Amino acid sequence: MSDSPFWVGVLGLQGAFAKHLEVLERCRAPARLVRTAEELEDIAGLIIPGGESTTLGTLITRWGLAEPLRARAREGMPIMGTCAGLILLAKEIVGSDQFRLGLMDITVRRNAFGRQVDSFEQDISIKGIAGGPVRAVFIRAPVIEEVRDGAEALAEVEAGIVAARQGRLLALAFHPELTEDTRLHEHFLAMVREFAKGG
């Protein structure tokens, strides 16, 4: 770890990583982009942002990050995956053999709500998040069709499960970085602080 109490990384290979950095700055959390295995070693938590999941998977493989990411997850380092990041956390992806980290006991379906023009916003209640519903922004979003073993569903809409947790892994089908509400990032940061303190 650095001289700071902890550092939070945002995977900076492709996708909406800049917006996550902005939210972390608003939360006063020390944050940096992560693009290499060496940079991955110096953080206490990682956000895998939305983007294009197949492209992200290709870049993770190309940059030699797959096994280091899995190793950090096994150590208990918190990881939050949003939209494409959720897809990469899953063990199973319906109708696809694309790369995935396979860290969470969930089955996901890509583009569950349709094309880009079918993007929408909806207020949802999320287990463990106080203060009322969260405004969720869905953009070509996946849905979790099944949770198994240690995974737990945290929020659902009509199409299926849109938030789940397994240990210190948090999967969100939507984009919390695109609203002014920082509660989900704060929730994740609480997990990071616990890990950084050796909890």
N, C-alpha and C. Protein backbone atom coordinates (compact mmCIF):
# COMPACT_ATOMS: atom_id res chain seq x y z
N MET A 1 0.83 -1.20 0.00
CA MET A 1 0.00 0.00 0.00
C MET A 1 0.87 1.26 0.00
N SER A 2 0.30 2.33 -0.45
CA SER A 2 1.00 3.60 -0.47
C SER A 2 0.90 4.25 0.91
N ASP A 3 1.37 5.51 1.00
CA ASP A 3 1.30 6.21 2.28
C ASP A 3 -0.13 6.54 2.68
N SER A 4 -1.06 6.60 1.70
CA SER A 4 -2.46 6.83 2.01
C SER A 4 -3.02 5.61 2.72
N PRO A 5 -4.13 5.79 3.46
CA PRO A 5 -4.74 4.64 4.15
C PRO A 5 -5.10 3.53 3.16
N PHE A 6 -5.56 3.90 1.99
CA PHE A 6 -5.86 2.92 0.95
C PHE A 6 -5.95 3.65 -0.39
N TRP A 7 -5.79 2.90 -1.46
CA TRP A 7 -6.03 3.42 -2.81
C TRP A 7 -7.10 2.57 -3.47
N VAL A 8 -7.97 3.22 -4.21
CA VAL A 8 -8.98 2.52 -5.00
C VAL A 8 -8.57 2.62 -6.46
N GLY A 9 -8.60 1.51 -7.16
CA GLY A 9 -8.27 1.50 -8.58
C GLY A 9 -9.53 1.46 -9.43
N VAL A 10 -9.44 2.07 -10.59
CA VAL A 10 -10.48 1.96 -11.60
C VAL A 10 -9.81 1.40 -12.85
N LEU A 11 -10.30 0.28 -13.34
CA LEU A 11 -9.70 -0.33 -14.51
C LEU A 11 -9.82 0.62 -15.69
N GLY A 12 -8.69 1.04 -16.23
CA GLY A 12 -8.68 2.10 -17.23
C GLY A 12 -8.35 1.64 -18.63
N LEU A 13 -8.85 0.49 -19.03
CA LEU A 13 -8.54 -0.05 -20.36
C LEU A 13 -9.53 0.43 -21.42
N GLN A 14 -10.80 0.55 -21.06
CA GLN A 14 -11.85 0.92 -22.00
C GLN A 14 -13.11 1.20 -21.20
N GLY A 15 -13.97 2.06 -21.71
CA GLY A 15 -15.25 2.27 -21.04
C GLY A 15 -15.30 3.53 -20.19
N ALA A 16 -16.24 3.54 -19.23
CA ALA A 16 -16.60 4.75 -18.48
C ALA A 16 -15.76 4.95 -17.23
N PHE A 17 -14.44 4.76 -17.34
CA PHE A 17 -13.61 4.83 -16.14
C PHE A 17 -13.48 6.26 -15.60
N ALA A 18 -13.49 7.26 -16.47
CA ALA A 18 -13.30 8.64 -16.01
C ALA A 18 -14.41 9.09 -15.06
N LYS A 19 -15.64 8.70 -15.36
CA LYS A 19 -16.77 9.08 -14.50
C LYS A 19 -16.65 8.47 -13.11
N HIS A 20 -16.17 7.24 -13.03
CA HIS A 20 -15.97 6.61 -11.72
C HIS A 20 -14.91 7.37 -10.92
N LEU A 21 -13.84 7.80 -11.59
CA LEU A 21 -12.82 8.58 -10.89
C LEU A 21 -13.40 9.88 -10.34
N GLU A 22 -14.29 10.52 -11.10
CA GLU A 22 -14.93 11.74 -10.63
C GLU A 22 -15.77 11.50 -9.38
N VAL A 23 -16.51 10.39 -9.36
CA VAL A 23 -17.33 10.09 -8.18
C VAL A 23 -16.44 9.80 -6.98
N LEU A 24 -15.39 9.04 -7.17
CA LEU A 24 -14.47 8.73 -6.07
C LEU A 24 -13.83 10.01 -5.53
N GLU A 25 -13.55 10.96 -6.42
CA GLU A 25 -13.02 12.24 -5.97
C GLU A 25 -14.04 12.96 -5.10
N ARG A 26 -15.32 12.92 -5.51
CA ARG A 26 -16.37 13.55 -4.70
C ARG A 26 -16.50 12.86 -3.34
N CYS A 27 -16.21 11.57 -3.31
CA CYS A 27 -16.25 10.82 -2.05
C CYS A 27 -14.98 10.99 -1.23
N ARG A 28 -14.03 11.78 -1.75
CA ARG A 28 -12.74 12.03 -1.09
C ARG A 28 -11.94 10.75 -0.90
N ALA A 29 -12.05 9.85 -1.84
CA ALA A 29 -11.29 8.60 -1.78
C ALA A 29 -10.09 8.70 -2.72
N PRO A 30 -8.90 8.33 -2.26
CA PRO A 30 -7.73 8.34 -3.13
C PRO A 30 -7.88 7.28 -4.22
N ALA A 31 -7.86 7.71 -5.47
CA ALA A 31 -8.14 6.79 -6.58
C ALA A 31 -7.15 6.98 -7.71
N ARG A 32 -6.95 5.93 -8.47
CA ARG A 32 -6.05 5.98 -9.62
C ARG A 32 -6.51 4.97 -10.66
N LEU A 33 -6.10 5.20 -11.90
CA LEU A 33 -6.37 4.24 -12.96
C LEU A 33 -5.44 3.05 -12.82
N VAL A 34 -5.94 1.88 -13.21
CA VAL A 34 -5.15 0.65 -13.20
C VAL A 34 -5.15 0.08 -14.61
N ARG A 35 -3.94 -0.14 -15.15
CA ARG A 35 -3.82 -0.71 -16.50
C ARG A 35 -2.82 -1.86 -16.55
N THR A 36 -2.04 -2.06 -15.48
CA THR A 36 -1.02 -3.10 -15.47
C THR A 36 -1.13 -3.95 -14.21
N ALA A 37 -0.51 -5.11 -14.26
CA ALA A 37 -0.50 -5.99 -13.08
C ALA A 37 0.23 -5.33 -11.92
N GLU A 38 1.27 -4.55 -12.22
CA GLU A 38 2.01 -3.86 -11.16
C GLU A 38 1.12 -2.85 -10.44
N GLU A 39 0.33 -2.10 -11.22
CA GLU A 39 -0.58 -1.11 -10.62
C GLU A 39 -1.67 -1.79 -9.80
N LEU A 40 -2.02 -3.00 -10.18
CA LEU A 40 -3.05 -3.75 -9.46
C LEU A 40 -2.58 -4.14 -8.06
N GLU A 41 -1.28 -4.27 -7.88
CA GLU A 41 -0.73 -4.72 -6.60
C GLU A 41 -0.84 -3.66 -5.51
N ASP A 42 -0.99 -2.38 -5.90
CA ASP A 42 -0.90 -1.29 -4.94
C ASP A 42 -2.25 -0.69 -4.57
N ILE A 43 -3.32 -1.43 -4.79
CA ILE A 43 -4.66 -0.91 -4.49
C ILE A 43 -5.37 -1.82 -3.49
N ALA A 44 -6.42 -1.28 -2.87
CA ALA A 44 -7.19 -2.05 -1.90
C ALA A 44 -8.60 -2.34 -2.39
N GLY A 45 -8.92 -1.92 -3.61
CA GLY A 45 -10.22 -2.17 -4.20
C GLY A 45 -10.19 -1.76 -5.65
N LEU A 46 -11.05 -2.37 -6.47
CA LEU A 46 -11.05 -2.09 -7.91
C LEU A 46 -12.47 -1.97 -8.43
N ILE A 47 -12.68 -0.97 -9.29
CA ILE A 47 -13.93 -0.84 -10.02
C ILE A 47 -13.68 -1.23 -11.48
N ILE A 48 -14.48 -2.16 -11.98
CA ILE A 48 -14.45 -2.51 -13.40
C ILE A 48 -15.65 -1.81 -14.03
N PRO A 49 -15.40 -0.82 -14.89
CA PRO A 49 -16.49 0.04 -15.36
C PRO A 49 -17.30 -0.58 -16.49
N GLY A 50 -18.36 0.12 -16.84
CA GLY A 50 -19.11 -0.24 -18.03
C GLY A 50 -18.28 0.06 -19.28
N GLY A 51 -18.72 -0.50 -20.38
CA GLY A 51 -18.01 -0.37 -21.65
C GLY A 51 -18.53 -1.45 -22.57
N GLU A 52 -17.61 -2.09 -23.28
CA GLU A 52 -17.98 -3.20 -24.15
C GLU A 52 -17.29 -4.43 -23.59
N SER A 53 -18.07 -5.40 -23.11
CA SER A 53 -17.49 -6.49 -22.32
C SER A 53 -16.51 -7.36 -23.11
N THR A 54 -16.78 -7.59 -24.39
CA THR A 54 -15.83 -8.42 -25.16
C THR A 54 -14.52 -7.68 -25.36
N THR A 55 -14.60 -6.37 -25.62
CA THR A 55 -13.39 -5.57 -25.78
C THR A 55 -12.61 -5.52 -24.47
N LEU A 56 -13.31 -5.28 -23.37
CA LEU A 56 -12.65 -5.27 -22.07
C LEU A 56 -11.97 -6.60 -21.78
N GLY A 57 -12.65 -7.70 -22.09
CA GLY A 57 -12.06 -9.01 -21.87
C GLY A 57 -10.81 -9.22 -22.69
N THR A 58 -10.84 -8.79 -23.95
CA THR A 58 -9.67 -8.90 -24.82
C THR A 58 -8.50 -8.11 -24.26
N LEU A 59 -8.77 -6.89 -23.80
CA LEU A 59 -7.71 -6.04 -23.27
C LEU A 59 -7.16 -6.56 -21.95
N ILE A 60 -8.04 -7.09 -21.10
CA ILE A 60 -7.57 -7.70 -19.84
C ILE A 60 -6.60 -8.84 -20.14
N THR A 61 -6.95 -9.64 -21.13
CA THR A 61 -6.07 -10.76 -21.51
C THR A 61 -4.76 -10.24 -22.10
N ARG A 62 -4.87 -9.27 -23.00
CA ARG A 62 -3.69 -8.73 -23.70
C ARG A 62 -2.72 -8.10 -22.71
N TRP A 63 -3.23 -7.42 -21.70
CA TRP A 63 -2.38 -6.76 -20.72
C TRP A 63 -1.95 -7.67 -19.57
N GLY A 64 -2.31 -8.95 -19.65
CA GLY A 64 -1.88 -9.91 -18.64
C GLY A 64 -2.49 -9.68 -17.27
N LEU A 65 -3.74 -9.22 -17.25
CA LEU A 65 -4.39 -8.87 -15.99
C LEU A 65 -5.31 -9.94 -15.44
N ALA A 66 -5.65 -10.94 -16.23
CA ALA A 66 -6.68 -11.89 -15.81
C ALA A 66 -6.29 -12.62 -14.53
N GLU A 67 -5.15 -13.27 -14.53
CA GLU A 67 -4.76 -14.03 -13.35
C GLU A 67 -4.44 -13.14 -12.15
N PRO A 68 -3.74 -12.00 -12.35
CA PRO A 68 -3.56 -11.10 -11.20
C PRO A 68 -4.88 -10.61 -10.61
N LEU A 69 -5.86 -10.33 -11.45
CA LEU A 69 -7.18 -9.92 -10.95
C LEU A 69 -7.82 -11.02 -10.12
N ARG A 70 -7.78 -12.23 -10.65
CA ARG A 70 -8.36 -13.36 -9.91
C ARG A 70 -7.63 -13.58 -8.58
N ALA A 71 -6.32 -13.42 -8.61
CA ALA A 71 -5.53 -13.62 -7.39
C ALA A 71 -5.89 -12.58 -6.33
N ARG A 72 -6.04 -11.31 -6.74
CA ARG A 72 -6.42 -10.27 -5.77
C ARG A 72 -7.81 -10.53 -5.21
N ALA A 73 -8.72 -11.02 -6.07
CA ALA A 73 -10.06 -11.35 -5.60
C ALA A 73 -10.01 -12.48 -4.57
N ARG A 74 -9.15 -13.46 -4.81
CA ARG A 74 -9.01 -14.57 -3.85
C ARG A 74 -8.46 -14.07 -2.51
N GLU A 75 -7.66 -13.01 -2.55
CA GLU A 75 -7.13 -12.42 -1.32
C GLU A 75 -8.21 -11.67 -0.54
N GLY A 76 -9.35 -11.44 -1.19
CA GLY A 76 -10.43 -10.73 -0.54
C GLY A 76 -10.56 -9.27 -0.94
N MET A 77 -9.75 -8.82 -1.93
CA MET A 77 -9.85 -7.43 -2.36
C MET A 77 -11.22 -7.15 -2.96
N PRO A 78 -11.92 -6.12 -2.52
CA PRO A 78 -13.23 -5.79 -3.07
C PRO A 78 -13.15 -5.38 -4.54
N ILE A 79 -14.12 -5.84 -5.32
CA ILE A 79 -14.25 -5.46 -6.72
C ILE A 79 -15.70 -5.12 -6.99
N MET A 80 -15.92 -3.96 -7.62
CA MET A 80 -17.26 -3.58 -8.05
C MET A 80 -17.28 -3.55 -9.57
N GLY A 81 -18.18 -4.32 -10.17
CA GLY A 81 -18.33 -4.33 -11.62
C GLY A 81 -19.66 -3.70 -12.01
N THR A 82 -19.62 -2.71 -12.91
CA THR A 82 -20.84 -2.05 -13.35
C THR A 82 -21.07 -2.34 -14.83
N CYS A 83 -22.27 -2.77 -15.17
CA CYS A 83 -22.68 -3.07 -16.54
C CYS A 83 -21.73 -4.10 -17.17
N ALA A 84 -20.84 -3.70 -18.06
CA ALA A 84 -19.88 -4.65 -18.64
C ALA A 84 -19.04 -5.30 -17.55
N GLY A 85 -18.72 -4.54 -16.50
CA GLY A 85 -17.95 -5.10 -15.39
C GLY A 85 -18.68 -6.23 -14.70
N LEU A 86 -20.01 -6.11 -14.60
CA LEU A 86 -20.82 -7.20 -14.05
C LEU A 86 -20.67 -8.45 -14.90
N ILE A 87 -20.75 -8.29 -16.22
CA ILE A 87 -20.63 -9.44 -17.13
C ILE A 87 -19.30 -10.16 -16.90
N LEU A 88 -18.23 -9.39 -16.75
CA LEU A 88 -16.91 -9.99 -16.58
C LEU A 88 -16.75 -10.69 -15.24
N LEU A 89 -17.51 -10.28 -14.23
CA LEU A 89 -17.43 -10.95 -12.92
C LEU A 89 -18.14 -12.30 -12.92
N ALA A 90 -19.06 -12.52 -13.83
CA ALA A 90 -19.92 -13.71 -13.81
C ALA A 90 -19.17 -14.98 -14.18
N LYS A 91 -19.66 -16.10 -13.64
CA LYS A 91 -19.13 -17.40 -14.04
C LYS A 91 -19.79 -17.88 -15.33
N GLU A 92 -21.05 -17.48 -15.55
CA GLU A 92 -21.75 -17.94 -16.75
C GLU A 92 -22.40 -16.76 -17.47
N ILE A 93 -22.27 -16.76 -18.81
CA ILE A 93 -22.90 -15.75 -19.66
C ILE A 93 -23.76 -16.49 -20.67
N VAL A 94 -25.04 -16.20 -20.67
CA VAL A 94 -25.99 -16.92 -21.53
C VAL A 94 -25.60 -16.76 -23.00
N GLY A 95 -25.45 -17.90 -23.69
CA GLY A 95 -25.19 -17.90 -25.12
C GLY A 95 -23.85 -17.34 -25.55
N SER A 96 -22.89 -17.31 -24.65
CA SER A 96 -21.59 -16.73 -24.99
C SER A 96 -20.45 -17.48 -24.32
N ASP A 97 -19.36 -17.64 -25.07
CA ASP A 97 -18.15 -18.22 -24.49
C ASP A 97 -17.05 -17.17 -24.36
N GLN A 98 -17.45 -15.89 -24.39
CA GLN A 98 -16.48 -14.80 -24.29
C GLN A 98 -15.72 -14.86 -22.98
N PHE A 99 -14.60 -14.15 -22.93
CA PHE A 99 -13.80 -14.09 -21.72
C PHE A 99 -14.62 -13.55 -20.57
N ARG A 100 -14.40 -14.15 -19.40
CA ARG A 100 -14.94 -13.62 -18.15
C ARG A 100 -13.99 -14.01 -17.03
N LEU A 101 -13.99 -13.22 -15.96
CA LEU A 101 -13.13 -13.52 -14.82
C LEU A 101 -13.68 -14.70 -14.02
N GLY A 102 -15.01 -14.90 -14.05
CA GLY A 102 -15.62 -16.05 -13.41
C GLY A 102 -15.51 -16.04 -11.89
N LEU A 103 -15.68 -14.87 -11.29
CA LEU A 103 -15.50 -14.73 -9.85
C LEU A 103 -16.79 -14.88 -9.05
N MET A 104 -17.93 -14.62 -9.68
CA MET A 104 -19.21 -14.65 -8.96
C MET A 104 -20.09 -15.77 -9.46
N ASP A 105 -20.81 -16.41 -8.53
CA ASP A 105 -21.69 -17.52 -8.87
C ASP A 105 -23.02 -16.99 -9.40
N ILE A 106 -22.94 -16.33 -10.55
CA ILE A 106 -24.13 -15.77 -11.18
C ILE A 106 -24.12 -16.09 -12.67
N THR A 107 -25.32 -16.14 -13.24
CA THR A 107 -25.49 -16.27 -14.70
C THR A 107 -26.09 -14.96 -15.20
N VAL A 108 -25.46 -14.37 -16.22
CA VAL A 108 -25.94 -13.09 -16.75
C VAL A 108 -26.32 -13.23 -18.22
N ARG A 109 -27.22 -12.33 -18.62
CA ARG A 109 -27.61 -12.23 -20.03
C ARG A 109 -27.27 -10.84 -20.51
N ARG A 110 -26.49 -10.76 -21.57
CA ARG A 110 -26.08 -9.47 -22.12
C ARG A 110 -27.25 -8.76 -22.80
N ASN A 111 -27.16 -7.42 -22.85
CA ASN A 111 -28.14 -6.61 -23.58
C ASN A 111 -29.58 -7.04 -23.30
N ALA A 112 -29.89 -7.26 -22.04
CA ALA A 112 -31.19 -7.81 -21.67
C ALA A 112 -32.34 -6.86 -21.93
N PHE A 113 -32.04 -5.57 -22.03
CA PHE A 113 -33.11 -4.59 -22.20
C PHE A 113 -33.18 -4.03 -23.62
N GLY A 114 -32.39 -4.58 -24.54
CA GLY A 114 -32.44 -4.11 -25.91
C GLY A 114 -31.23 -3.28 -26.30
N ARG A 115 -31.42 -2.49 -27.35
CA ARG A 115 -30.33 -1.72 -27.93
C ARG A 115 -30.10 -0.42 -27.18
N GLN A 116 -29.12 0.36 -27.65
CA GLN A 116 -28.79 1.64 -27.02
C GLN A 116 -30.01 2.55 -26.91
N VAL A 117 -30.86 2.54 -27.93
CA VAL A 117 -32.04 3.42 -27.92
C VAL A 117 -33.05 2.99 -26.87
N ASP A 118 -32.90 1.80 -26.34
CA ASP A 118 -33.80 1.31 -25.30
C ASP A 118 -33.28 1.58 -23.89
N SER A 119 -32.24 2.40 -23.80
CA SER A 119 -31.71 2.77 -22.48
C SER A 119 -32.78 3.51 -21.69
N PHE A 120 -32.72 3.37 -20.36
CA PHE A 120 -33.73 4.00 -19.52
C PHE A 120 -33.20 4.20 -18.11
N GLU A 121 -33.96 4.95 -17.32
CA GLU A 121 -33.66 5.16 -15.90
C GLU A 121 -34.83 4.68 -15.07
N GLN A 122 -34.52 4.16 -13.87
CA GLN A 122 -35.57 3.66 -12.99
C GLN A 122 -35.11 3.75 -11.55
N ASP A 123 -36.02 4.10 -10.65
CA ASP A 123 -35.72 4.09 -9.22
C ASP A 123 -35.84 2.66 -8.71
N ILE A 124 -34.79 2.18 -8.03
CA ILE A 124 -34.81 0.83 -7.50
C ILE A 124 -34.36 0.83 -6.04
N SER A 125 -34.93 -0.08 -5.28
CA SER A 125 -34.51 -0.29 -3.90
C SER A 125 -33.42 -1.35 -3.88
N ILE A 126 -32.34 -1.08 -3.17
CA ILE A 126 -31.20 -1.99 -3.12
C ILE A 126 -30.95 -2.40 -1.68
N LYS A 127 -30.95 -3.68 -1.44
CA LYS A 127 -30.70 -4.21 -0.09
C LYS A 127 -29.36 -3.70 0.42
N GLY A 128 -29.37 -3.15 1.63
CA GLY A 128 -28.14 -2.67 2.24
C GLY A 128 -27.84 -1.21 1.98
N ILE A 129 -28.64 -0.56 1.12
CA ILE A 129 -28.44 0.86 0.81
C ILE A 129 -29.58 1.65 1.44
N ALA A 130 -29.26 2.41 2.47
CA ALA A 130 -30.26 3.20 3.19
C ALA A 130 -30.54 4.50 2.45
N GLY A 131 -31.65 5.14 2.85
CA GLY A 131 -31.95 6.46 2.30
C GLY A 131 -32.92 6.47 1.15
N GLY A 132 -33.61 5.38 0.91
CA GLY A 132 -34.59 5.34 -0.16
C GLY A 132 -34.04 4.79 -1.46
N PRO A 133 -34.89 4.75 -2.50
CA PRO A 133 -34.49 4.16 -3.78
C PRO A 133 -33.29 4.87 -4.42
N VAL A 134 -32.58 4.13 -5.24
CA VAL A 134 -31.45 4.64 -6.02
C VAL A 134 -31.92 4.84 -7.45
N ARG A 135 -31.54 5.95 -8.06
CA ARG A 135 -31.85 6.18 -9.47
C ARG A 135 -30.81 5.41 -10.30
N ALA A 136 -31.28 4.41 -11.05
CA ALA A 136 -30.39 3.55 -11.81
C ALA A 136 -30.49 3.87 -13.31
N VAL A 137 -29.34 4.05 -13.94
CA VAL A 137 -29.26 4.33 -15.37
C VAL A 137 -28.84 3.05 -16.10
N PHE A 138 -29.73 2.54 -16.95
CA PHE A 138 -29.48 1.29 -17.68
C PHE A 138 -29.17 1.62 -19.14
N ILE A 139 -27.97 1.24 -19.60
CA ILE A 139 -27.54 1.49 -20.98
C ILE A 139 -27.09 0.16 -21.59
N ARG A 140 -27.88 -0.38 -22.50
CA ARG A 140 -27.59 -1.71 -23.08
C ARG A 140 -27.20 -2.68 -21.97
N ALA A 141 -28.00 -2.68 -20.95
CA ALA A 141 -27.62 -3.33 -19.69
C ALA A 141 -27.84 -4.84 -19.71
N PRO A 142 -27.00 -5.55 -18.95
CA PRO A 142 -27.23 -6.97 -18.73
C PRO A 142 -28.24 -7.17 -17.61
N VAL A 143 -28.65 -8.41 -17.41
CA VAL A 143 -29.47 -8.76 -16.26
C VAL A 143 -28.92 -10.07 -15.70
N ILE A 144 -29.05 -10.23 -14.40
CA ILE A 144 -28.62 -11.47 -13.74
C ILE A 144 -29.81 -12.41 -13.73
N GLU A 145 -29.66 -13.54 -14.40
CA GLU A 145 -30.76 -14.50 -14.49
C GLU A 145 -30.78 -15.47 -13.32
N GLU A 146 -29.63 -15.69 -12.70
CA GLU A 146 -29.57 -16.66 -11.61
C GLU A 146 -28.43 -16.31 -10.67
N VAL A 147 -28.69 -16.43 -9.36
CA VAL A 147 -27.63 -16.35 -8.35
C VAL A 147 -27.55 -17.71 -7.67
N ARG A 148 -26.34 -18.14 -7.37
CA ARG A 148 -26.13 -19.46 -6.78
C ARG A 148 -25.14 -19.37 -5.62
N ASP A 149 -25.10 -20.43 -4.85
CA ASP A 149 -24.10 -20.62 -3.80
C ASP A 149 -23.98 -19.38 -2.91
N GLY A 150 -22.81 -18.73 -2.93
CA GLY A 150 -22.58 -17.61 -2.03
C GLY A 150 -23.09 -16.28 -2.51
N ALA A 151 -23.63 -16.20 -3.72
CA ALA A 151 -24.10 -14.93 -4.27
C ALA A 151 -25.50 -14.60 -3.73
N GLU A 152 -25.77 -13.30 -3.62
CA GLU A 152 -27.06 -12.83 -3.09
C GLU A 152 -27.60 -11.73 -3.98
N ALA A 153 -28.87 -11.83 -4.36
CA ALA A 153 -29.53 -10.77 -5.12
C ALA A 153 -29.80 -9.59 -4.19
N LEU A 154 -29.49 -8.38 -4.67
CA LEU A 154 -29.71 -7.16 -3.89
C LEU A 154 -30.82 -6.29 -4.44
N ALA A 155 -31.12 -6.41 -5.73
CA ALA A 155 -32.15 -5.57 -6.35
C ALA A 155 -32.67 -6.25 -7.61
N GLU A 156 -33.98 -6.06 -7.85
CA GLU A 156 -34.61 -6.63 -9.04
C GLU A 156 -35.51 -5.60 -9.71
N VAL A 157 -35.64 -5.75 -11.01
CA VAL A 157 -36.66 -5.05 -11.79
C VAL A 157 -37.47 -6.13 -12.49
N GLU A 158 -38.40 -5.73 -13.30
CA GLU A 158 -39.28 -6.72 -13.95
C GLU A 158 -38.51 -7.74 -14.77
N ALA A 159 -37.43 -7.31 -15.41
CA ALA A 159 -36.67 -8.21 -16.28
C ALA A 159 -35.77 -9.18 -15.53
N GLY A 160 -35.49 -8.88 -14.26
CA GLY A 160 -34.64 -9.78 -13.49
C GLY A 160 -33.80 -9.05 -12.46
N ILE A 161 -32.76 -9.72 -11.98
CA ILE A 161 -31.90 -9.19 -10.93
C ILE A 161 -30.90 -8.20 -11.55
N VAL A 162 -30.75 -7.04 -10.90
CA VAL A 162 -29.85 -6.02 -11.46
C VAL A 162 -28.74 -5.61 -10.49
N ALA A 163 -28.68 -6.24 -9.32
CA ALA A 163 -27.58 -6.01 -8.39
C ALA A 163 -27.41 -7.26 -7.54
N ALA A 164 -26.15 -7.64 -7.31
CA ALA A 164 -25.86 -8.83 -6.51
C ALA A 164 -24.52 -8.64 -5.81
N ARG A 165 -24.37 -9.41 -4.75
CA ARG A 165 -23.12 -9.36 -3.99
C ARG A 165 -22.70 -10.77 -3.64
N GLN A 166 -21.40 -10.99 -3.63
CA GLN A 166 -20.84 -12.25 -3.15
C GLN A 166 -19.56 -11.92 -2.41
N GLY A 167 -19.61 -12.00 -1.09
CA GLY A 167 -18.47 -11.58 -0.30
C GLY A 167 -18.20 -10.09 -0.53
N ARG A 168 -16.99 -9.79 -0.99
CA ARG A 168 -16.63 -8.39 -1.28
C ARG A 168 -16.72 -8.08 -2.77
N LEU A 169 -17.47 -8.87 -3.51
CA LEU A 169 -17.69 -8.62 -4.93
C LEU A 169 -19.09 -8.04 -5.11
N LEU A 170 -19.19 -6.90 -5.78
CA LEU A 170 -20.45 -6.20 -5.97
C LEU A 170 -20.69 -6.03 -7.46
N ALA A 171 -21.81 -6.53 -7.95
CA ALA A 171 -22.13 -6.49 -9.39
C ALA A 171 -23.39 -5.67 -9.61
N LEU A 172 -23.30 -4.65 -10.47
CA LEU A 172 -24.42 -3.76 -10.77
C LEU A 172 -24.65 -3.73 -12.27
N ALA A 173 -25.89 -3.91 -12.69
CA ALA A 173 -26.21 -3.92 -14.12
C ALA A 173 -26.32 -2.52 -14.70
N PHE A 174 -26.28 -1.52 -13.84
CA PHE A 174 -26.51 -0.14 -14.26
C PHE A 174 -25.25 0.70 -14.00
N HIS A 175 -25.37 2.02 -14.20
CA HIS A 175 -24.23 2.94 -14.13
C HIS A 175 -24.39 3.92 -12.97
N PRO A 176 -23.92 3.59 -11.77
CA PRO A 176 -24.08 4.50 -10.64
C PRO A 176 -23.24 5.77 -10.78
N GLU A 177 -22.25 5.74 -11.66
CA GLU A 177 -21.38 6.91 -11.85
C GLU A 177 -22.04 8.02 -12.66
N LEU A 178 -23.21 7.75 -13.23
CA LEU A 178 -23.88 8.73 -14.09
C LEU A 178 -24.95 9.54 -13.37
N THR A 179 -25.04 9.40 -12.06
CA THR A 179 -25.98 10.23 -11.28
C THR A 179 -25.17 10.96 -10.19
N GLU A 180 -25.85 11.84 -9.49
CA GLU A 180 -25.21 12.58 -8.41
C GLU A 180 -25.20 11.79 -7.09
N ASP A 181 -25.88 10.67 -7.06
CA ASP A 181 -25.99 9.84 -5.86
C ASP A 181 -24.71 9.02 -5.68
N THR A 182 -24.02 9.22 -4.58
CA THR A 182 -22.75 8.51 -4.36
C THR A 182 -22.89 7.31 -3.42
N ARG A 183 -24.12 6.95 -3.06
CA ARG A 183 -24.29 5.93 -2.01
C ARG A 183 -23.68 4.58 -2.38
N LEU A 184 -23.78 4.16 -3.62
CA LEU A 184 -23.22 2.85 -3.99
C LEU A 184 -21.69 2.88 -3.97
N HIS A 185 -21.11 3.97 -4.40
CA HIS A 185 -19.66 4.08 -4.30
C HIS A 185 -19.23 4.12 -2.82
N GLU A 186 -19.98 4.82 -1.99
CA GLU A 186 -19.67 4.85 -0.56
C GLU A 186 -19.79 3.46 0.06
N HIS A 187 -20.81 2.72 -0.36
CA HIS A 187 -21.00 1.35 0.11
C HIS A 187 -19.79 0.49 -0.26
N PHE A 188 -19.33 0.64 -1.49
CA PHE A 188 -18.14 -0.09 -1.94
C PHE A 188 -16.91 0.35 -1.15
N LEU A 189 -16.77 1.66 -0.94
CA LEU A 189 -15.61 2.16 -0.21
C LEU A 189 -15.55 1.63 1.22
N ALA A 190 -16.71 1.39 1.82
CA ALA A 190 -16.72 0.79 3.16
C ALA A 190 -16.08 -0.60 3.13
N MET A 191 -16.35 -1.36 2.08
CA MET A 191 -15.73 -2.67 1.93
C MET A 191 -14.21 -2.53 1.74
N VAL A 192 -13.81 -1.52 0.95
CA VAL A 192 -12.39 -1.30 0.69
C VAL A 192 -11.65 -0.93 1.98
N ARG A 193 -12.26 -0.05 2.77
CA ARG A 193 -11.62 0.34 4.04
C ARG A 193 -11.46 -0.86 4.96
N GLU A 194 -12.47 -1.70 5.01
CA GLU A 194 -12.38 -2.90 5.85
C GLU A 194 -11.23 -3.80 5.39
N PHE A 195 -11.12 -3.98 4.08
CA PHE A 195 -10.03 -4.81 3.54
C PHE A 195 -8.67 -4.18 3.81
N ALA A 196 -8.58 -2.85 3.61
CA ALA A 196 -7.30 -2.16 3.80
C ALA A 196 -6.82 -2.25 5.24
N LYS A 197 -7.76 -2.33 6.17
CA LYS A 197 -7.40 -2.44 7.60
C LYS A 197 -7.11 -3.88 8.00
N GLY A 198 -7.20 -4.80 7.05
CA GLY A 198 -6.94 -6.19 7.35
C GLY A 198 -8.14 -6.95 7.86
N GLY A 199 -9.34 -6.35 7.67
CA GLY A 199 -10.57 -6.98 8.16
C GLY A 199 -11.10 -8.04 7.23
